[in-house]
N, C-alpha and C. Protein backbone atom coordinates (compact mmCIF):
# COMPACT_ATOMS: atom_id res chain seq x y z
N MET A 1 109.79 137.22 116.71
CA MET A 1 109.53 138.56 117.12
C MET A 1 110.79 139.28 117.53
N ASN A 2 111.59 138.61 118.33
CA ASN A 2 112.90 139.20 118.77
C ASN A 2 113.75 139.51 117.57
N GLU A 3 113.71 138.66 116.58
CA GLU A 3 114.56 138.83 115.35
C GLU A 3 114.10 140.10 114.70
N GLU A 4 112.77 140.35 114.59
CA GLU A 4 112.24 141.54 113.91
C GLU A 4 112.66 142.80 114.71
N LYS A 5 112.54 142.72 116.01
CA LYS A 5 112.89 143.85 116.87
C LYS A 5 114.37 144.21 116.65
N LYS A 6 115.22 143.21 116.59
CA LYS A 6 116.67 143.41 116.41
C LYS A 6 116.87 144.17 115.09
N GLY A 7 116.18 143.77 114.00
CA GLY A 7 116.30 144.44 112.75
C GLY A 7 115.82 145.88 112.78
N LEU A 8 114.76 146.15 113.49
CA LEU A 8 114.28 147.51 113.65
C LEU A 8 115.30 148.36 114.33
N ASP A 9 115.97 147.82 115.38
CA ASP A 9 116.92 148.58 116.12
C ASP A 9 118.15 148.97 115.28
N SER A 10 118.43 148.16 114.26
CA SER A 10 119.64 148.43 113.46
C SER A 10 119.45 149.65 112.54
N PHE A 11 118.23 150.08 112.33
CA PHE A 11 117.97 151.27 111.46
C PHE A 11 117.94 152.51 112.34
N ASN A 12 118.54 153.57 111.80
CA ASN A 12 118.39 154.89 112.41
C ASN A 12 116.98 155.34 112.08
N GLN A 13 116.19 155.71 113.11
CA GLN A 13 114.78 156.02 112.87
C GLN A 13 114.50 157.46 112.55
N SER A 14 115.53 158.33 112.43
CA SER A 14 115.24 159.71 112.00
C SER A 14 114.85 159.67 110.53
N ASN A 15 114.04 160.59 110.17
CA ASN A 15 113.51 160.63 108.78
C ASN A 15 112.86 159.33 108.30
N SER A 16 112.17 158.66 109.20
CA SER A 16 111.52 157.41 108.85
C SER A 16 110.02 157.55 108.85
N ILE A 17 109.39 156.55 108.20
CA ILE A 17 107.98 156.47 108.15
C ILE A 17 107.57 155.02 108.55
N THR A 18 106.47 154.94 109.30
CA THR A 18 105.98 153.60 109.72
C THR A 18 104.51 153.47 109.29
N ILE A 19 104.22 152.38 108.64
CA ILE A 19 102.86 152.00 108.35
C ILE A 19 102.56 150.78 109.23
N GLY A 20 101.75 151.01 110.24
CA GLY A 20 101.54 150.00 111.27
C GLY A 20 100.61 148.88 110.86
N GLN A 21 100.66 147.79 111.66
CA GLN A 21 99.79 146.65 111.40
C GLN A 21 98.35 147.12 111.44
N GLY A 22 97.54 146.65 110.49
CA GLY A 22 96.11 147.01 110.44
C GLY A 22 95.89 148.28 109.64
N VAL A 23 96.93 148.99 109.21
CA VAL A 23 96.79 150.22 108.45
C VAL A 23 96.92 149.88 106.96
N THR A 24 96.08 150.48 106.12
CA THR A 24 96.17 150.38 104.70
C THR A 24 96.52 151.73 104.11
N PHE A 25 97.54 151.77 103.27
CA PHE A 25 98.03 153.04 102.64
C PHE A 25 98.04 152.84 101.16
N VAL A 26 97.38 153.77 100.46
CA VAL A 26 97.42 153.72 99.01
C VAL A 26 98.01 155.02 98.51
N GLY A 27 99.13 154.95 97.75
CA GLY A 27 99.80 156.14 97.27
C GLY A 27 101.30 155.91 97.20
N SER A 28 102.11 156.94 97.01
CA SER A 28 103.54 156.86 96.88
C SER A 28 104.25 157.33 98.10
N ILE A 29 105.31 156.68 98.44
CA ILE A 29 106.18 157.08 99.56
C ILE A 29 107.52 157.35 98.96
N SER A 30 108.12 158.56 99.23
CA SER A 30 109.46 158.89 98.81
C SER A 30 110.13 159.66 99.93
N ALA A 31 111.22 159.09 100.40
CA ALA A 31 111.96 159.66 101.55
C ALA A 31 113.38 159.30 101.54
N ARG A 32 114.18 160.20 102.09
CA ARG A 32 115.60 159.89 102.23
C ARG A 32 115.91 159.20 103.56
N GLY A 33 114.95 158.52 104.08
CA GLY A 33 115.09 157.80 105.35
C GLY A 33 114.67 156.35 105.19
N LYS A 34 114.11 155.80 106.24
CA LYS A 34 113.75 154.40 106.26
C LYS A 34 112.22 154.30 106.27
N ALA A 35 111.72 153.19 105.80
CA ALA A 35 110.26 152.88 105.82
C ALA A 35 110.10 151.53 106.51
N PHE A 36 109.23 151.50 107.51
CA PHE A 36 108.87 150.25 108.21
C PHE A 36 107.43 149.94 107.87
N ILE A 37 107.21 148.83 107.17
CA ILE A 37 105.88 148.49 106.69
C ILE A 37 105.38 147.27 107.43
N ASN A 38 104.40 147.42 108.23
CA ASN A 38 103.76 146.28 108.96
C ASN A 38 102.28 146.16 108.55
N GLY A 39 101.82 147.10 107.76
CA GLY A 39 100.42 147.07 107.25
C GLY A 39 100.45 146.77 105.77
N ALA A 40 99.44 147.26 105.04
CA ALA A 40 99.30 147.02 103.60
C ALA A 40 99.55 148.29 102.87
N VAL A 41 100.43 148.21 101.85
CA VAL A 41 100.73 149.38 101.01
C VAL A 41 100.52 149.02 99.57
N THR A 42 99.77 149.87 98.83
CA THR A 42 99.61 149.71 97.41
C THR A 42 100.11 151.00 96.78
N GLY A 43 101.23 150.91 96.07
CA GLY A 43 101.81 152.10 95.44
C GLY A 43 103.34 151.99 95.37
N GLU A 44 103.95 153.05 94.92
CA GLU A 44 105.40 153.03 94.77
C GLU A 44 106.10 153.50 96.02
N ILE A 45 107.27 152.92 96.27
CA ILE A 45 108.04 153.29 97.46
C ILE A 45 109.48 153.52 97.01
N SER A 46 110.04 154.70 97.39
CA SER A 46 111.44 155.01 97.11
C SER A 46 112.04 155.56 98.40
N VAL A 47 112.92 154.73 99.02
CA VAL A 47 113.48 155.10 100.33
C VAL A 47 114.95 154.59 100.39
N ASP A 48 115.65 155.07 101.40
CA ASP A 48 117.06 154.55 101.58
C ASP A 48 117.05 153.17 102.14
N GLY A 49 116.16 152.89 103.11
CA GLY A 49 116.07 151.60 103.73
C GLY A 49 114.63 151.14 103.89
N LEU A 50 114.36 149.86 103.74
CA LEU A 50 113.02 149.40 103.87
C LEU A 50 113.00 148.10 104.73
N GLN A 51 112.07 148.08 105.62
CA GLN A 51 111.85 146.85 106.37
C GLN A 51 110.32 146.49 106.28
N VAL A 52 110.08 145.31 105.75
CA VAL A 52 108.70 144.86 105.62
C VAL A 52 108.51 143.78 106.76
N GLY A 53 107.70 144.17 107.74
CA GLY A 53 107.44 143.24 108.86
C GLY A 53 106.61 142.03 108.46
N GLU A 54 106.51 141.07 109.35
CA GLU A 54 105.77 139.82 109.07
C GLU A 54 104.35 140.07 108.63
N SER A 55 103.69 141.09 109.11
CA SER A 55 102.31 141.39 108.69
C SER A 55 102.28 142.37 107.56
N GLY A 56 103.42 142.78 107.06
CA GLY A 56 103.47 143.75 105.94
C GLY A 56 103.29 143.14 104.57
N VAL A 57 102.49 143.83 103.72
CA VAL A 57 102.26 143.43 102.33
C VAL A 57 102.38 144.66 101.48
N ILE A 58 103.28 144.60 100.49
CA ILE A 58 103.41 145.70 99.56
C ILE A 58 103.08 145.27 98.17
N LYS A 59 102.24 146.00 97.50
CA LYS A 59 101.92 145.78 96.05
C LYS A 59 102.25 147.01 95.31
N GLY A 60 103.38 147.02 94.69
CA GLY A 60 103.87 148.18 93.95
C GLY A 60 105.34 148.15 93.77
N LYS A 61 105.86 149.03 92.92
CA LYS A 61 107.30 149.11 92.65
C LYS A 61 108.06 149.70 93.84
N ILE A 62 109.24 149.14 94.08
CA ILE A 62 110.05 149.56 95.20
C ILE A 62 111.46 149.84 94.70
N LYS A 63 112.01 150.96 95.24
CA LYS A 63 113.39 151.32 94.97
C LYS A 63 114.00 151.66 96.33
N SER A 64 115.09 150.97 96.69
CA SER A 64 115.73 151.16 98.02
C SER A 64 117.22 150.89 97.93
N ARG A 65 117.95 151.39 98.86
CA ARG A 65 119.36 151.09 98.96
C ARG A 65 119.58 149.73 99.65
N GLU A 66 118.81 149.49 100.72
CA GLU A 66 118.90 148.22 101.44
C GLU A 66 117.50 147.85 101.92
N MET A 67 117.29 146.51 102.11
CA MET A 67 115.96 146.13 102.65
C MET A 67 116.03 144.80 103.35
N GLU A 68 115.09 144.66 104.29
CA GLU A 68 114.85 143.41 105.01
C GLU A 68 113.40 143.02 104.79
N VAL A 69 113.13 141.75 104.46
CA VAL A 69 111.74 141.36 104.16
C VAL A 69 111.38 140.18 105.05
N TYR A 70 110.44 140.47 105.94
CA TYR A 70 109.83 139.43 106.77
C TYR A 70 108.43 139.11 106.24
N GLY A 71 107.83 140.07 105.53
CA GLY A 71 106.45 139.89 104.98
C GLY A 71 106.47 139.64 103.52
N GLU A 72 105.61 140.35 102.74
CA GLU A 72 105.41 140.08 101.33
C GLU A 72 105.61 141.31 100.48
N ILE A 73 106.23 141.10 99.35
CA ILE A 73 106.34 142.18 98.31
C ILE A 73 105.90 141.57 97.01
N HIS A 74 104.96 142.23 96.31
CA HIS A 74 104.49 141.75 95.03
C HIS A 74 104.66 142.86 94.03
N ASP A 75 105.62 142.78 93.13
CA ASP A 75 105.90 143.68 92.03
C ASP A 75 107.37 143.79 91.80
N GLU A 76 107.82 144.87 91.18
CA GLU A 76 109.24 145.06 90.83
C GLU A 76 109.96 145.68 92.02
N VAL A 77 111.12 145.09 92.36
CA VAL A 77 111.95 145.53 93.46
C VAL A 77 113.34 145.85 92.87
N SER A 78 113.87 147.05 93.16
CA SER A 78 115.19 147.41 92.82
C SER A 78 115.95 147.84 94.05
N CYS A 79 116.92 147.08 94.44
CA CYS A 79 117.65 147.38 95.67
C CYS A 79 119.14 147.37 95.34
N ALA A 80 119.78 148.57 95.48
CA ALA A 80 121.15 148.77 94.99
C ALA A 80 122.17 147.97 95.81
N GLU A 81 121.93 147.80 97.10
CA GLU A 81 122.92 147.13 97.95
C GLU A 81 122.43 145.77 98.41
N HIS A 82 121.97 145.63 99.62
CA HIS A 82 121.67 144.34 100.27
C HIS A 82 120.21 144.10 100.45
N VAL A 83 119.76 142.94 100.01
CA VAL A 83 118.45 142.43 100.26
C VAL A 83 118.49 141.22 101.16
N LEU A 84 117.80 141.28 102.27
CA LEU A 84 117.75 140.09 103.16
C LEU A 84 116.29 139.69 103.26
N VAL A 85 116.03 138.41 102.79
CA VAL A 85 114.77 137.80 102.83
C VAL A 85 114.79 136.83 104.03
N HIS A 86 114.02 137.17 105.07
CA HIS A 86 113.98 136.32 106.26
C HIS A 86 113.14 135.08 106.01
N SER A 87 113.11 134.15 106.96
CA SER A 87 112.43 132.89 106.78
C SER A 87 110.95 133.01 106.48
N THR A 88 110.31 134.08 106.90
CA THR A 88 108.89 134.34 106.64
C THR A 88 108.62 135.21 105.44
N GLY A 89 109.71 135.66 104.79
CA GLY A 89 109.58 136.64 103.72
C GLY A 89 109.28 136.06 102.31
N LEU A 90 108.67 136.91 101.50
CA LEU A 90 108.35 136.55 100.13
C LEU A 90 108.49 137.74 99.22
N ILE A 91 109.26 137.59 98.18
CA ILE A 91 109.30 138.58 97.10
C ILE A 91 108.78 137.91 95.83
N LYS A 92 107.74 138.43 95.27
CA LYS A 92 107.18 137.77 94.06
C LYS A 92 107.11 138.85 92.97
N GLY A 93 107.91 138.67 91.91
CA GLY A 93 107.99 139.64 90.84
C GLY A 93 109.43 139.78 90.40
N LYS A 94 109.80 140.88 89.78
CA LYS A 94 111.15 141.11 89.32
C LYS A 94 111.98 141.69 90.47
N LEU A 95 113.20 141.15 90.69
CA LEU A 95 114.08 141.60 91.70
C LEU A 95 115.43 141.95 91.07
N ILE A 96 115.83 143.22 91.22
CA ILE A 96 117.19 143.67 90.89
C ILE A 96 117.89 144.03 92.14
N TYR A 97 119.06 143.43 92.35
CA TYR A 97 119.73 143.57 93.64
C TYR A 97 121.25 143.71 93.49
N GLY A 98 121.87 144.22 94.51
CA GLY A 98 123.35 144.25 94.62
C GLY A 98 123.85 143.00 95.24
N GLU A 99 123.33 142.65 96.43
CA GLU A 99 123.61 141.44 97.17
C GLU A 99 122.28 140.85 97.61
N LEU A 100 122.17 139.55 97.62
CA LEU A 100 120.94 138.88 97.97
C LEU A 100 121.23 137.78 99.00
N GLU A 101 120.50 137.85 100.13
CA GLU A 101 120.63 136.83 101.17
C GLU A 101 119.20 136.31 101.45
N ILE A 102 119.04 134.99 101.37
CA ILE A 102 117.75 134.37 101.62
C ILE A 102 117.90 133.36 102.74
N GLN A 103 117.23 133.55 103.85
CA GLN A 103 117.24 132.60 104.99
C GLN A 103 116.37 131.39 104.59
N LYS A 104 116.65 130.30 105.26
CA LYS A 104 115.89 129.05 105.04
C LYS A 104 114.40 129.32 105.25
N GLY A 105 113.59 129.01 104.28
CA GLY A 105 112.15 129.27 104.38
C GLY A 105 111.76 130.53 103.58
N GLY A 106 112.68 131.48 103.40
CA GLY A 106 112.38 132.70 102.62
C GLY A 106 112.21 132.32 101.17
N ARG A 107 111.37 133.08 100.44
CA ARG A 107 111.09 132.77 99.06
C ARG A 107 111.24 134.01 98.18
N VAL A 108 111.79 133.75 97.00
CA VAL A 108 111.85 134.76 95.96
C VAL A 108 111.43 134.05 94.68
N THR A 109 110.31 134.50 94.05
CA THR A 109 109.85 133.91 92.80
C THR A 109 109.73 135.03 91.76
N GLY A 110 110.15 134.67 90.55
CA GLY A 110 110.11 135.66 89.41
C GLY A 110 111.53 135.89 88.88
N ALA A 111 111.71 136.90 88.09
CA ALA A 111 112.98 137.20 87.46
C ALA A 111 113.88 137.87 88.45
N MET A 112 115.20 137.49 88.44
CA MET A 112 116.20 138.08 89.29
C MET A 112 117.34 138.53 88.45
N ASP A 113 117.93 139.71 88.81
CA ASP A 113 119.13 140.21 88.08
C ASP A 113 120.01 140.91 89.10
N GLN A 114 121.28 140.53 89.11
CA GLN A 114 122.25 141.20 90.00
C GLN A 114 122.77 142.45 89.28
N SER A 115 122.84 143.56 89.96
CA SER A 115 123.28 144.82 89.38
C SER A 115 124.31 145.45 90.34
N ASN A 116 125.25 146.14 89.68
CA ASN A 116 126.26 146.90 90.56
C ASN A 116 126.06 148.38 90.34
N LYS A 117 124.93 148.82 89.93
CA LYS A 117 124.72 150.25 89.72
C LYS A 117 124.61 150.92 91.10
N PRO A 118 125.14 152.14 91.26
CA PRO A 118 125.06 152.82 92.54
C PRO A 118 123.60 153.24 92.78
N TYR A 119 123.30 153.42 94.07
CA TYR A 119 121.94 153.82 94.46
C TYR A 119 121.74 155.28 94.15
N ASN A 120 120.55 155.61 93.53
CA ASN A 120 120.13 156.96 93.27
C ASN A 120 118.70 157.06 93.75
N HIS A 121 118.49 157.90 94.77
CA HIS A 121 117.20 158.03 95.40
C HIS A 121 116.08 158.34 94.43
N ARG A 122 116.29 159.12 93.44
CA ARG A 122 115.26 159.53 92.53
C ARG A 122 114.83 158.46 91.58
């Protein structure tokens, strides 16, 4: 829990959106800020930064500049810069990344491709 709090503190929370634990969201999220997902999201997400908490589950395509994953992502992920999969994290599907860091216990299953394309929010 302290590790997750530390990660949350590292993000600037202006222009951010939070989907809390126990909340289900169906639809698209597009923002030039950060998204903190601790609930369930089904749909596309396009943000500058993404943090999926331990109770967070995303089913849908994701586009982000940077991300931290403590929970689960199921679908295609495109992250231009840094992806950090924590020990409780799971990415299942296609992953396109700039840099990838997986802590012991973290899992990534599916196709992976390293890319050096610059981030474009759209």
